[in-house]
Amino acid sequence: MKQSNLTRKQLAQTINEQLGISQRSAAELVDEVFSSLKQALLQEEPVKLVQFGTFTVRQKSPRMGRNPRTGETMEIARRSMISFKASKGLREKINT
């Protein structure tokens, strides 16, 4: 059975229920957390969340690729990507 995605609204509802703060304040809290994560990653700083994992920005080198429609070879430009490495505890819980 496929689970639905966890949304910002659901996170805010959980915070509202667990901490008893207003729905609006919980939504603002969730937005502020994601804004802080986004700003750190845009500055290419790693984000470590203890007992969850680490987000890092990696640079991928340019490489040769192929256009699947035409078969033409082309260079794929250098780009940045976000990488996530789960903490040891989270990996163990997922694999049990």
C-alpha atoms as a PDB file:
ATOM      1  CA  MET A   1       0.000   0.000   0.000  1.00  0.00           C
ATOM      2  CA  LYS A   2       1.496   3.311  -1.110  1.00  0.00           C
ATOM      3  CA  GLN A   3       1.775   6.087   1.474  1.00  0.00           C
ATOM      4  CA  SER A   4       1.008   9.675   0.521  1.00  0.00           C
ATOM      5  CA  ASN A   5       3.684  12.342   0.724  1.00  0.00           C
ATOM      6  CA  LEU A   6       4.206  14.200   3.981  1.00  0.00           C
ATOM      7  CA  THR A   7       3.303  17.832   3.318  1.00  0.00           C
ATOM      8  CA  ARG A   8       4.068  21.132   5.039  1.00  0.00           C
ATOM      9  CA  LYS A   9       0.429  21.322   6.103  1.00  0.00           C
ATOM     10  CA  GLN A  10       0.653  17.906   7.758  1.00  0.00           C
ATOM     11  CA  LEU A  11       3.857  18.917   9.539  1.00  0.00           C
ATOM     12  CA  ALA A  12       2.140  22.066  10.820  1.00  0.00           C
ATOM     13  CA  GLN A  13      -0.860  20.029  11.993  1.00  0.00           C
ATOM     14  CA  THR A  14       1.432  17.636  13.881  1.00  0.00           C
ATOM     15  CA  ILE A  15       3.231  20.544  15.563  1.00  0.00           C
ATOM     16  CA  ASN A  16      -0.151  22.064  16.425  1.00  0.00           C
ATOM     17  CA  GLU A  17      -1.367  18.821  18.010  1.00  0.00           C
ATOM     18  CA  GLN A  18       1.888  17.927  19.815  1.00  0.00           C
ATOM     19  CA  LEU A  19       2.866  21.379  21.114  1.00  0.00           C
ATOM     20  CA  GLY A  20      -0.530  23.033  21.355  1.00  0.00           C
ATOM     21  CA  ILE A  21       0.452  26.156  19.428  1.00  0.00           C
ATOM     22  CA  SER A  22      -1.909  27.738  16.918  1.00  0.00           C
ATOM     23  CA  GLN A  23      -2.207  26.349  13.405  1.00  0.00           C
ATOM     24  CA  ARG A  24      -0.922  29.633  11.942  1.00  0.00           C
ATOM     25  CA  SER A  25       2.117  29.726  14.254  1.00  0.00           C
ATOM     26  CA  ALA A  26       2.884  26.081  13.475  1.00  0.00           C
ATOM     27  CA  ALA A  27       2.724  26.798   9.727  1.00  0.00           C
ATOM     28  CA  GLU A  28       5.036  29.800  10.164  1.00  0.00           C
ATOM     29  CA  LEU A  29       7.442  27.650  12.178  1.00  0.00           C
ATOM     30  CA  VAL A  30       7.561  24.981   9.456  1.00  0.00           C
ATOM     31  CA  ASP A  31       8.095  27.646   6.769  1.00  0.00           C
ATOM     32  CA  GLU A  32      10.911  29.259   8.770  1.00  0.00           C
ATOM     33  CA  VAL A  33      12.681  25.924   9.265  1.00  0.00           C
ATOM     34  CA  PHE A  34      12.557  25.154   5.543  1.00  0.00           C
ATOM     35  CA  SER A  35      13.649  28.696   4.699  1.00  0.00           C
ATOM     36  CA  SER A  36      16.698  28.320   6.952  1.00  0.00           C
ATOM     37  CA  LEU A  37      17.565  24.947   5.379  1.00  0.00           C
ATOM     38  CA  LYS A  38      17.191  26.426   1.902  1.00  0.00           C
ATOM     39  CA  GLN A  39      19.410  29.445   2.687  1.00  0.00           C
ATOM     40  CA  ALA A  40      22.161  27.223   4.109  1.00  0.00           C
ATOM     41  CA  LEU A  41      22.094  24.961   1.043  1.00  0.00           C
ATOM     42  CA  LEU A  42      22.100  27.957  -1.333  1.00  0.00           C
ATOM     43  CA  GLN A  43      25.316  29.057   0.394  1.00  0.00           C
ATOM     44  CA  GLU A  44      26.599  25.487  -0.121  1.00  0.00           C
ATOM     45  CA  GLU A  45      26.827  24.859   3.622  1.00  0.00           C
ATOM     46  CA  PRO A  46      26.104  21.305   4.825  1.00  0.00           C
ATOM     47  CA  VAL A  47      22.997  20.926   7.006  1.00  0.00           C
ATOM     48  CA  LYS A  48      23.294  18.277   9.714  1.00  0.00           C
ATOM     49  CA  LEU A  49      20.161  17.207  11.570  1.00  0.00           C
ATOM     50  CA  VAL A  50      21.227  14.975  14.457  1.00  0.00           C
ATOM     51  CA  GLN A  51      19.515  11.548  14.444  1.00  0.00           C
ATOM     52  CA  PHE A  52      18.125  12.283  10.958  1.00  0.00           C
ATOM     53  CA  GLY A  53      20.895  12.922   8.439  1.00  0.00           C
ATOM     54  CA  THR A  54      23.029  15.411   6.539  1.00  0.00           C
ATOM     55  CA  PHE A  55      22.220  17.443   3.429  1.00  0.00           C
ATOM     56  CA  THR A  56      25.199  18.573   1.352  1.00  0.00           C
ATOM     57  CA  VAL A  57      25.638  20.381  -1.970  1.00  0.00           C
ATOM     58  CA  ARG A  58      27.844  18.478  -4.409  1.00  0.00           C
ATOM     59  CA  GLN A  59      29.333  19.681  -7.679  1.00  0.00           C
ATOM     60  CA  LYS A  60      28.925  17.329 -10.635  1.00  0.00           C
ATOM     61  CA  SER A  61      31.564  17.615 -13.339  1.00  0.00           C
ATOM     62  CA  PRO A  62      30.603  18.155 -16.970  1.00  0.00           C
ATOM     63  CA  ARG A  63      30.257  14.924 -18.909  1.00  0.00           C
ATOM     64  CA  MET A  64      29.284  13.612 -22.292  1.00  0.00           C
ATOM     65  CA  GLY A  65      25.703  12.443 -22.688  1.00  0.00           C
ATOM     66  CA  ARG A  66      23.328  11.455 -25.444  1.00  0.00           C
ATOM     67  CA  ASN A  67      20.039  12.975 -26.539  1.00  0.00           C
ATOM     68  CA  PRO A  68      17.660   9.979 -26.399  1.00  0.00           C
ATOM     69  CA  ARG A  69      15.413  11.404 -29.110  1.00  0.00           C
ATOM     70  CA  THR A  70      18.056  12.121 -31.756  1.00  0.00           C
ATOM     71  CA  GLY A  71      20.959   9.979 -30.577  1.00  0.00           C
ATOM     72  CA  GLU A  72      23.222  13.027 -30.840  1.00  0.00           C
ATOM     73  CA  THR A  73      26.059  13.249 -28.307  1.00  0.00           C
ATOM     74  CA  MET A  74      26.286  16.425 -26.278  1.00  0.00           C
ATOM     75  CA  GLU A  75      28.068  17.800 -23.237  1.00  0.00           C
ATOM     76  CA  ILE A  76      26.057  17.948 -20.024  1.00  0.00           C
ATOM     77  CA  ALA A  77      27.135  21.088 -18.176  1.00  0.00           C
ATOM     78  CA  ARG A  78      28.637  21.219 -14.692  1.00  0.00           C
ATOM     79  CA  ARG A  79      25.924  21.506 -12.077  1.00  0.00           C
ATOM     80  CA  SER A  80      25.210  21.431  -8.367  1.00  0.00           C
ATOM     81  CA  MET A  81      23.037  18.840  -6.704  1.00  0.00           C
ATOM     82  CA  ILE A  82      21.792  18.208  -3.192  1.00  0.00           C
ATOM     83  CA  SER A  83      22.828  14.962  -1.581  1.00  0.00           C
ATOM     84  CA  PHE A  84      21.288  13.423   1.548  1.00  0.00           C
ATOM     85  CA  LYS A  85      22.989  10.878   3.768  1.00  0.00           C
ATOM     86  CA  ALA A  86      20.773   9.342   6.435  1.00  0.00           C
ATOM     87  CA  SER A  87      22.150   8.984   9.958  1.00  0.00           C
ATOM     88  CA  LYS A  88      23.185   5.561  11.166  1.00  0.00           C
ATOM     89  CA  GLY A  89      20.231   5.417  13.574  1.00  0.00           C
ATOM     90  CA  LEU A  90      17.710   6.297  10.855  1.00  0.00           C
ATOM     91  CA  ARG A  91      19.202   3.720   8.458  1.00  0.00           C
ATOM     92  CA  GLU A  92      18.977   1.044  11.150  1.00  0.00           C
ATOM     93  CA  LYS A  93      15.322   1.886  11.910  1.00  0.00           C
ATOM     94  CA  ILE A  94      14.402   1.803   8.220  1.00  0.00           C
ATOM     95  CA  ASN A  95      16.122  -1.547   7.709  1.00  0.00           C
ATOM     96  CA  THR A  96      14.469  -3.349  10.632  1.00  0.00           C
END
